[in-house]
PDB file of N, CA and C in Angstrom:
ATOM      1  N   MET A   1       3.300 -53.633  31.738  1.00  0.00           N
ATOM      2  CA  MET A   1       3.425 -53.846  30.332  1.00  0.00           C
ATOM      3  C   MET A   1       3.835 -52.538  29.671  1.00  0.00           C
ATOM      4  N   LYS A   2       4.718 -52.655  28.702  1.00  0.00           N
ATOM      5  CA  LYS A   2       5.249 -51.492  28.027  1.00  0.00           C
ATOM      6  C   LYS A   2       5.063 -51.696  26.530  1.00  0.00           C
ATOM      7  N   ALA A   3       4.501 -50.683  25.872  1.00  0.00           N
ATOM      8  CA  ALA A   3       4.277 -50.764  24.428  1.00  0.00           C
ATOM      9  C   ALA A   3       4.911 -49.549  23.772  1.00  0.00           C
ATOM     10  N   THR A   4       5.566 -49.756  22.674  1.00  0.00           N
ATOM     11  CA  THR A   4       6.184 -48.670  21.918  1.00  0.00           C
ATOM     12  C   THR A   4       5.602 -48.673  20.515  1.00  0.00           C
ATOM     13  N   ILE A   5       5.143 -47.494  20.090  1.00  0.00           N
ATOM     14  CA  ILE A   5       4.619 -47.350  18.740  1.00  0.00           C
ATOM     15  C   ILE A   5       5.514 -46.365  18.006  1.00  0.00           C
ATOM     16  N   GLU A   6       6.006 -46.763  16.871  1.00  0.00           N
ATOM     17  CA  GLU A   6       6.851 -45.898  16.071  1.00  0.00           C
ATOM     18  C   GLU A   6       6.107 -45.572  14.787  1.00  0.00           C
ATOM     19  N   ILE A   7       5.936 -44.275  14.525  1.00  0.00           N
ATOM     20  CA  ILE A   7       5.228 -43.833  13.325  1.00  0.00           C
ATOM     21  C   ILE A   7       6.251 -43.143  12.426  1.00  0.00           C
ATOM     22  N   ASP A   8       6.339 -43.596  11.220  1.00  0.00           N
ATOM     23  CA  ASP A   8       7.275 -43.031  10.249  1.00  0.00           C
ATOM     24  C   ASP A   8       6.468 -42.284   9.190  1.00  0.00           C
ATOM     25  N   CYS A   9       6.394 -40.958   9.344  1.00  0.00           N
ATOM     26  CA  CYS A   9       5.672 -40.150   8.368  1.00  0.00           C
ATOM     27  C   CYS A   9       6.275 -38.747   8.338  1.00  0.00           C
ATOM     28  N   THR A  10       5.954 -38.019   7.311  1.00  0.00           N
ATOM     29  CA  THR A  10       6.445 -36.646   7.180  1.00  0.00           C
ATOM     30  C   THR A  10       5.559 -35.723   8.019  1.00  0.00           C
ATOM     31  N   PRO A  11       6.037 -34.543   8.319  1.00  0.00           N
ATOM     32  CA  PRO A  11       5.194 -33.598   9.051  1.00  0.00           C
ATOM     33  C   PRO A  11       3.883 -33.283   8.330  1.00  0.00           C
ATOM     34  N   ASP A  12       3.932 -33.216   6.999  1.00  0.00           N
ATOM     35  CA  ASP A  12       2.707 -32.952   6.238  1.00  0.00           C
ATOM     36  C   ASP A  12       1.699 -34.095   6.392  1.00  0.00           C
ATOM     37  N   GLU A  13       2.188 -35.326   6.350  1.00  0.00           N
ATOM     38  CA  GLU A  13       1.303 -36.475   6.513  1.00  0.00           C
ATOM     39  C   GLU A  13       0.699 -36.508   7.910  1.00  0.00           C
ATOM     40  N   LEU A  14       1.492 -36.213   8.920  1.00  0.00           N
ATOM     41  CA  LEU A  14       0.981 -36.204  10.288  1.00  0.00           C
ATOM     42  C   LEU A  14      -0.050 -35.092  10.476  1.00  0.00           C
ATOM     43  N   ARG A  15       0.235 -33.916   9.901  1.00  0.00           N
ATOM     44  CA  ARG A  15      -0.706 -32.801  10.001  1.00  0.00           C
ATOM     45  C   ARG A  15      -2.038 -33.172   9.357  1.00  0.00           C
ATOM     46  N   ALA A  16      -2.000 -33.796   8.192  1.00  0.00           N
ATOM     47  CA  ALA A  16      -3.237 -34.203   7.514  1.00  0.00           C
ATOM     48  C   ALA A  16      -3.967 -35.277   8.311  1.00  0.00           C
ATOM     49  N   THR A  17      -3.217 -36.206   8.909  1.00  0.00           N
ATOM     50  CA  THR A  17      -3.833 -37.281   9.694  1.00  0.00           C
ATOM     51  C   THR A  17      -4.546 -36.724  10.918  1.00  0.00           C
ATOM     52  N   MET A  18      -3.947 -35.730  11.552  1.00  0.00           N
ATOM     53  CA  MET A  18      -4.544 -35.147  12.755  1.00  0.00           C
ATOM     54  C   MET A  18      -5.613 -34.114  12.433  1.00  0.00           C
ATOM     55  N   GLY A  19      -5.782 -33.768  11.142  1.00  0.00           N
ATOM     56  CA  GLY A  19      -6.827 -32.826  10.751  1.00  0.00           C
ATOM     57  C   GLY A  19      -6.426 -31.372  10.917  1.00  0.00           C
ATOM     58  N   LEU A  20      -5.139 -31.104  11.039  1.00  0.00           N
ATOM     59  CA  LEU A  20      -4.678 -29.720  11.177  1.00  0.00           C
ATOM     60  C   LEU A  20      -4.600 -29.059   9.803  1.00  0.00           C
ATOM     61  N   PRO A  21      -4.799 -27.739   9.753  1.00  0.00           N
ATOM     62  CA  PRO A  21      -4.795 -27.060   8.450  1.00  0.00           C
ATOM     63  C   PRO A  21      -3.376 -26.946   7.879  1.00  0.00           C
ATOM     64  N   ASP A  22      -3.301 -26.867   6.562  1.00  0.00           N
ATOM     65  CA  ASP A  22      -2.032 -26.659   5.885  1.00  0.00           C
ATOM     66  C   ASP A  22      -1.739 -25.163   5.896  1.00  0.00           C
ATOM     67  N   VAL A  23      -0.698 -24.756   6.583  1.00  0.00           N
ATOM     68  CA  VAL A  23      -0.393 -23.336   6.743  1.00  0.00           C
ATOM     69  C   VAL A  23       0.745 -22.874   5.831  1.00  0.00           C
ATOM     70  N   LYS A  24       1.195 -23.732   4.930  1.00  0.00           N
ATOM     71  CA  LYS A  24       2.300 -23.357   4.041  1.00  0.00           C
ATOM     72  C   LYS A  24       1.972 -22.149   3.161  1.00  0.00           C
ATOM     73  N   PRO A  25       0.776 -22.070   2.533  1.00  0.00           N
ATOM     74  CA  PRO A  25       0.481 -20.874   1.723  1.00  0.00           C
ATOM     75  C   PRO A  25       0.441 -19.597   2.567  1.00  0.00           C
ATOM     76  N   LEU A  26      -0.121 -19.681   3.758  1.00  0.00           N
ATOM     77  CA  LEU A  26      -0.176 -18.524   4.647  1.00  0.00           C
ATOM     78  C   LEU A  26       1.235 -18.100   5.050  1.00  0.00           C
ATOM     79  N   GLN A  27       2.061 -19.050   5.400  1.00  0.00           N
ATOM     80  CA  GLN A  27       3.427 -18.751   5.792  1.00  0.00           C
ATOM     81  C   GLN A  27       4.209 -18.147   4.618  1.00  0.00           C
ATOM     82  N   ALA A  28       4.016 -18.668   3.421  1.00  0.00           N
ATOM     83  CA  ALA A  28       4.705 -18.128   2.246  1.00  0.00           C
ATOM     84  C   ALA A  28       4.304 -16.681   1.992  1.00  0.00           C
ATOM     85  N   ASN A  29       2.989 -16.383   2.117  1.00  0.00           N
ATOM     86  CA  ASN A  29       2.526 -15.002   1.928  1.00  0.00           C
ATOM     87  C   ASN A  29       3.093 -14.075   2.988  1.00  0.00           C
ATOM     88  N   LEU A  30       3.096 -14.531   4.237  1.00  0.00           N
ATOM     89  CA  LEU A  30       3.629 -13.692   5.309  1.00  0.00           C
ATOM     90  C   LEU A  30       5.127 -13.446   5.141  1.00  0.00           C
ATOM     91  N   MET A  31       5.852 -14.466   4.726  1.00  0.00           N
ATOM     92  CA  MET A  31       7.293 -14.302   4.516  1.00  0.00           C
ATOM     93  C   MET A  31       7.580 -13.348   3.361  1.00  0.00           C
ATOM     94  N   LYS A  32       6.781 -13.411   2.296  1.00  0.00           N
ATOM     95  CA  LYS A  32       6.945 -12.489   1.166  1.00  0.00           C
ATOM     96  C   LYS A  32       6.666 -11.055   1.610  1.00  0.00           C
ATOM     97  N   ASP A  33       5.609 -10.867   2.409  1.00  0.00           N
ATOM     98  CA  ASP A  33       5.278  -9.542   2.930  1.00  0.00           C
ATOM     99  C   ASP A  33       6.392  -9.022   3.841  1.00  0.00           C
ATOM    100  N   LEU A  34       6.911  -9.884   4.691  1.00  0.00           N
ATOM    101  CA  LEU A  34       8.011  -9.501   5.582  1.00  0.00           C
ATOM    102  C   LEU A  34       9.251  -9.118   4.784  1.00  0.00           C
ATOM    103  N   GLU A  35       9.530  -9.877   3.738  1.00  0.00           N
ATOM    104  CA  GLU A  35      10.684  -9.578   2.892  1.00  0.00           C
ATOM    105  C   GLU A  35      10.527  -8.212   2.221  1.00  0.00           C
ATOM    106  N   ASN A  36       9.335  -7.919   1.705  1.00  0.00           N
ATOM    107  CA  ASN A  36       9.080  -6.618   1.073  1.00  0.00           C
ATOM    108  C   ASN A  36       9.230  -5.478   2.072  1.00  0.00           C
ATOM    109  N   ARG A  37       8.712  -5.664   3.274  1.00  0.00           N
ATOM    110  CA  ARG A  37       8.827  -4.620   4.301  1.00  0.00           C
ATOM    111  C   ARG A  37      10.280  -4.379   4.687  1.00  0.00           C
ATOM    112  N   MET A  38      11.053  -5.452   4.794  1.00  0.00           N
ATOM    113  CA  MET A  38      12.458  -5.308   5.152  1.00  0.00           C
ATOM    114  C   MET A  38      13.235  -4.598   4.042  1.00  0.00           C
ATOM    115  N   LYS A  39      12.923  -4.913   2.783  1.00  0.00           N
ATOM    116  CA  LYS A  39      13.577  -4.226   1.667  1.00  0.00           C
ATOM    117  C   LYS A  39      13.230  -2.748   1.656  1.00  0.00           C
ATOM    118  N   ASP A  40      11.948  -2.420   1.898  1.00  0.00           N
ATOM    119  CA  ASP A  40      11.537  -1.012   1.942  1.00  0.00           C
ATOM    120  C   ASP A  40      12.241  -0.270   3.067  1.00  0.00           C
ATOM    121  N   ALA A  41      12.342  -0.900   4.222  1.00  0.00           N
ATOM    122  CA  ALA A  41      13.021  -0.270   5.352  1.00  0.00           C
ATOM    123  C   ALA A  41      14.501  -0.079   5.054  1.00  0.00           C
ATOM    124  N   ALA A  42      15.117  -1.052   4.414  1.00  0.00           N
ATOM    125  CA  ALA A  42      16.534  -0.926   4.060  1.00  0.00           C
ATOM    126  C   ALA A  42      16.733   0.186   3.037  1.00  0.00           C
ATOM    127  N   ASP A  43      15.802   0.327   2.092  1.00  0.00           N
ATOM    128  CA  ASP A  43      15.902   1.405   1.107  1.00  0.00           C
ATOM    129  C   ASP A  43      15.757   2.772   1.772  1.00  0.00           C
ATOM    130  N   ARG A  44      14.849   2.872   2.732  1.00  0.00           N
ATOM    131  CA  ARG A  44      14.662   4.148   3.433  1.00  0.00           C
ATOM    132  C   ARG A  44      15.877   4.512   4.279  1.00  0.00           C
ATOM    133  N   MET A  45      16.606   3.503   4.737  1.00  0.00           N
ATOM    134  CA  MET A  45      17.747   3.766   5.603  1.00  0.00           C
ATOM    135  C   MET A  45      19.070   3.841   4.842  1.00  0.00           C
ATOM    136  N   SER A  46      19.028   3.848   3.517  1.00  0.00           N
ATOM    137  CA  SER A  46      20.260   3.976   2.747  1.00  0.00           C
ATOM    138  C   SER A  46      20.817   5.387   2.966  1.00  0.00           C
ATOM    139  N   PRO A  47      22.125   5.532   2.956  1.00  0.00           N
ATOM    140  CA  PRO A  47      22.715   6.861   3.193  1.00  0.00           C
ATOM    141  C   PRO A  47      22.192   7.925   2.232  1.00  0.00           C
ATOM    142  N   GLU A  48      21.999   7.558   0.986  1.00  0.00           N
ATOM    143  CA  GLU A  48      21.512   8.532   0.007  1.00  0.00           C
ATOM    144  C   GLU A  48      20.129   9.055   0.384  1.00  0.00           C
ATOM    145  N   ASN A  49      19.216   8.160   0.758  1.00  0.00           N
ATOM    146  CA  ASN A  49      17.864   8.581   1.125  1.00  0.00           C
ATOM    147  C   ASN A  49      17.833   9.354   2.435  1.00  0.00           C
ATOM    148  N   ILE A  50      18.697   8.991   3.382  1.00  0.00           N
ATOM    149  CA  ILE A  50      18.751   9.739   4.642  1.00  0.00           C
ATOM    150  C   ILE A  50      19.204  11.162   4.384  1.00  0.00           C
ATOM    151  N   ILE A  51      20.241  11.327   3.569  1.00  0.00           N
ATOM    152  CA  ILE A  51      20.741  12.671   3.267  1.00  0.00           C
ATOM    153  C   ILE A  51      19.684  13.471   2.520  1.00  0.00           C
ATOM    154  N   LYS A  52      18.994  12.834   1.571  1.00  0.00           N
ATOM    155  CA  LYS A  52      17.924  13.532   0.843  1.00  0.00           C
ATOM    156  C   LYS A  52      16.843  14.010   1.806  1.00  0.00           C
ATOM    157  N   SER A  53      16.474  13.178   2.760  1.00  0.00           N
ATOM    158  CA  SER A  53      15.415  13.578   3.697  1.00  0.00           C
ATOM    159  C   SER A  53      15.889  14.691   4.616  1.00  0.00           C
ATOM    160  N   TRP A  54      17.161  14.655   5.032  1.00  0.00           N
ATOM    161  CA  TRP A  54      17.685  15.730   5.878  1.00  0.00           C
ATOM    162  C   TRP A  54      17.708  17.046   5.119  1.00  0.00           C
ATOM    163  N   PHE A  55      18.187  17.003   3.870  1.00  0.00           N
ATOM    164  CA  PHE A  55      18.319  18.241   3.116  1.00  0.00           C
ATOM    165  C   PHE A  55      16.976  18.772   2.646  1.00  0.00           C
ATOM    166  N   SER A  56      15.979  17.929   2.541  1.00  0.00           N
ATOM    167  CA  SER A  56      14.664  18.428   2.147  1.00  0.00           C
ATOM    168  C   SER A  56      14.026  19.221   3.289  1.00  0.00           C
ATOM    169  N   LEU A  57      14.480  18.986   4.515  1.00  0.00           N
ATOM    170  CA  LEU A  57      13.938  19.723   5.653  1.00  0.00           C
ATOM    171  C   LEU A  57      14.574  21.100   5.807  1.00  0.00           C
ATOM    172  N   LEU A  58      15.752  21.276   5.222  1.00  0.00           N
ATOM    173  CA  LEU A  58      16.462  22.542   5.360  1.00  0.00           C
ATOM    174  C   LEU A  58      15.993  23.526   4.291  1.00  0.00           C
ATOM    175  N   PRO A  59      15.738  24.774   4.682  1.00  0.00           N
ATOM    176  CA  PRO A  59      15.246  25.756   3.706  1.00  0.00           C
ATOM    177  C   PRO A  59      16.358  26.441   2.911  1.00  0.00           C
ATOM    178  N   ILE A  60      17.564  25.918   2.911  1.00  0.00           N
ATOM    179  CA  ILE A  60      18.655  26.578   2.207  1.00  0.00           C
ATOM    180  C   ILE A  60      18.951  25.871   0.896  1.00  0.00           C
ATOM    181  N   GLN A  61      19.626  26.568   0.008  1.00  0.00           N
ATOM    182  CA  GLN A  61      19.927  26.059  -1.323  1.00  0.00           C
ATOM    183  C   GLN A  61      21.003  24.984  -1.284  1.00  0.00           C
ATOM    184  N   SER A  62      21.053  24.170  -2.323  1.00  0.00           N
ATOM    185  CA  SER A  62      22.025  23.069  -2.374  1.00  0.00           C
ATOM    186  C   SER A  62      23.455  23.589  -2.400  1.00  0.00           C
ATOM    187  N   GLU A  63      23.694  24.732  -3.032  1.00  0.00           N
ATOM    188  CA  GLU A  63      25.057  25.296  -3.051  1.00  0.00           C
ATOM    189  C   GLU A  63      25.461  25.744  -1.646  1.00  0.00           C
ATOM    190  N   GLN A  64      24.536  26.282  -0.900  1.00  0.00           N
ATOM    191  CA  GLN A  64      24.842  26.672   0.470  1.00  0.00           C
ATOM    192  C   GLN A  64      25.135  25.446   1.325  1.00  0.00           C
ATOM    193  N   ILE A  65      24.437  24.358   1.084  1.00  0.00           N
ATOM    194  CA  ILE A  65      24.696  23.109   1.808  1.00  0.00           C
ATOM    195  C   ILE A  65      26.097  22.616   1.478  1.00  0.00           C
ATOM    196  N   ARG A  66      26.438  22.645   0.181  1.00  0.00           N
ATOM    197  CA  ARG A  66      27.771  22.220  -0.242  1.00  0.00           C
ATOM    198  C   ARG A  66      28.842  23.083   0.418  1.00  0.00           C
ATOM    199  N   ASN A  67      28.619  24.389   0.460  1.00  0.00           N
ATOM    200  CA  ASN A  67      29.580  25.292   1.108  1.00  0.00           C
ATOM    201  C   ASN A  67      29.696  24.996   2.600  1.00  0.00           C
ATOM    202  N   LEU A  68      28.582  24.704   3.233  1.00  0.00           N
ATOM    203  CA  LEU A  68      28.587  24.363   4.656  1.00  0.00           C
ATOM    204  C   LEU A  68      29.362  23.079   4.893  1.00  0.00           C
ATOM    205  N   MET A  69      29.128  22.066   4.064  1.00  0.00           N
ATOM    206  CA  MET A  69      29.860  20.802   4.196  1.00  0.00           C
ATOM    207  C   MET A  69      31.355  21.005   3.977  1.00  0.00           C
ATOM    208  N   ASN A  70      31.709  21.805   2.965  1.00  0.00           N
ATOM    209  CA  ASN A  70      33.127  22.075   2.707  1.00  0.00           C
ATOM    210  C   ASN A  70      33.770  22.807   3.877  1.00  0.00           C
ATOM    211  N   ALA A  71      33.038  23.700   4.492  1.00  0.00           N
ATOM    212  CA  ALA A  71      33.584  24.446   5.633  1.00  0.00           C
ATOM    213  C   ALA A  71      33.782  23.535   6.840  1.00  0.00           C
ATOM    214  N   MET A  72      32.917  22.526   6.990  1.00  0.00           N
ATOM    215  CA  MET A  72      33.027  21.623   8.133  1.00  0.00           C
ATOM    216  C   MET A  72      34.117  20.575   7.946  1.00  0.00           C
ATOM    217  N   MET A  73      34.448  20.255   6.704  1.00  0.00           N
ATOM    218  CA  MET A  73      35.470  19.241   6.434  1.00  0.00           C
ATOM    219  C   MET A  73      36.862  19.848   6.610  1.00  0.00           C
ATOM    220  N   PRO A  74      37.752  19.120   7.263  1.00  0.00           N
ATOM    221  CA  PRO A  74      39.124  19.622   7.350  1.00  0.00           C
ATOM    222  C   PRO A  74      39.752  19.627   5.962  1.00  0.00           C
ATOM    223  N   GLY A  75      40.375  20.741   5.616  1.00  0.00           N
ATOM    224  CA  GLY A  75      40.990  20.858   4.304  1.00  0.00           C
ATOM    225  C   GLY A  75      39.984  21.134   3.215  1.00  0.00           C
ATOM    226  N   GLY A  76      38.772  21.517   3.595  1.00  0.00           N
ATOM    227  CA  GLY A  76      37.733  21.808   2.604  1.00  0.00           C
ATOM    228  C   GLY A  76      38.077  23.061   1.838  1.00  0.00           C
ATOM    229  N   THR A  77      37.547  23.187   0.647  1.00  0.00           N
ATOM    230  CA  THR A  77      37.835  24.350  -0.178  1.00  0.00           C
ATOM    231  C   THR A  77      37.051  25.538   0.341  1.00  0.00           C
ATOM    232  N   LYS A  78      37.678  26.673   0.302  1.00  0.00           N
ATOM    233  CA  LYS A  78      37.000  27.903   0.706  1.00  0.00           C
ATOM    234  C   LYS A  78      36.137  28.377  -0.447  1.00  0.00           C
ATOM    235  N   SER A  79      34.930  28.766  -0.140  1.00  0.00           N
ATOM    236  CA  SER A  79      34.051  29.267  -1.199  1.00  0.00           C
ATOM    237  C   SER A  79      33.668  30.683  -0.861  1.00  0.00           C
ATOM    238  N   THR A  80      33.350  31.416  -1.896  1.00  0.00           N
ATOM    239  CA  THR A  80      32.930  32.788  -1.696  1.00  0.00           C
ATOM    240  C   THR A  80      31.427  32.839  -1.851  1.00  0.00           C
ATOM    241  N   SER A  81      30.776  33.199  -0.795  1.00  0.00           N
ATOM    242  CA  SER A  81      29.327  33.363  -0.847  1.00  0.00           C
ATOM    243  C   SER A  81      29.002  34.765  -0.377  1.00  0.00           C
ATOM    244  N   ALA A  82      27.746  35.072  -0.302  1.00  0.00           N
ATOM    245  CA  ALA A  82      27.314  36.405   0.100  1.00  0.00           C
ATOM    246  C   ALA A  82      27.775  36.719   1.516  1.00  0.00           C
ATOM    247  N   THR A  83      27.776  35.734   2.397  1.00  0.00           N
ATOM    248  CA  THR A  83      28.192  35.979   3.769  1.00  0.00           C
ATOM    249  C   THR A  83      29.695  36.160   3.855  1.00  0.00           C
ATOM    250  N   ASP A  84      30.484  35.446   3.010  1.00  0.00           N
ATOM    251  CA  ASP A  84      31.926  35.604   3.023  1.00  0.00           C
ATOM    252  C   ASP A  84      32.316  36.986   2.497  1.00  0.00           C
ATOM    253  N   SER A  85      31.641  37.465   1.451  1.00  0.00           N
ATOM    254  CA  SER A  85      31.991  38.754   0.881  1.00  0.00           C
ATOM    255  C   SER A  85      31.604  39.891   1.824  1.00  0.00           C
ATOM    256  N   SER A  86      30.590  39.693   2.654  1.00  0.00           N
ATOM    257  CA  SER A  86      30.217  40.742   3.608  1.00  0.00           C
ATOM    258  C   SER A  86      31.236  40.840   4.727  1.00  0.00           C
ATOM    259  N   LYS A  87      31.907  39.726   5.063  1.00  0.00           N
ATOM    260  CA  LYS A  87      32.933  39.759   6.096  1.00  0.00           C
ATOM    261  C   LYS A  87      34.183  40.474   5.628  1.00  0.00           C
ATOM    262  N   GLU A  88      34.452  40.425   4.303  1.00  0.00           N
ATOM    263  CA  GLU A  88      35.653  41.051   3.772  1.00  0.00           C
ATOM    264  C   GLU A  88      35.541  42.553   3.786  1.00  0.00           C
ATOM    265  N   LYS A  89      34.363  43.114   3.759  1.00  0.00           N
ATOM    266  CA  LYS A  89      34.189  44.583   3.683  1.00  0.00           C
ATOM    267  C   LYS A  89      34.479  45.257   4.953  1.00  0.00           C
TER     268      LYS A  89
END
């Protein structure tokens, strides 16, 4: 003998019928927390913030950094700093 039972209900109705807890509020909170963490991580990894963190570790002045960047770039402008003027003497 073969019997087939077809139940037509939503997942929420089946969960309530079986006595399982409603996890939608928990899932919504976790997803919101995950979204906030991902946004924070993306903000920390923005090029502007990465450069700020790199330059905050260097003990040199911002003008010296600019001069260093210009010297490393092809076609960069030549700047006169204390080290350049000492080479000319």
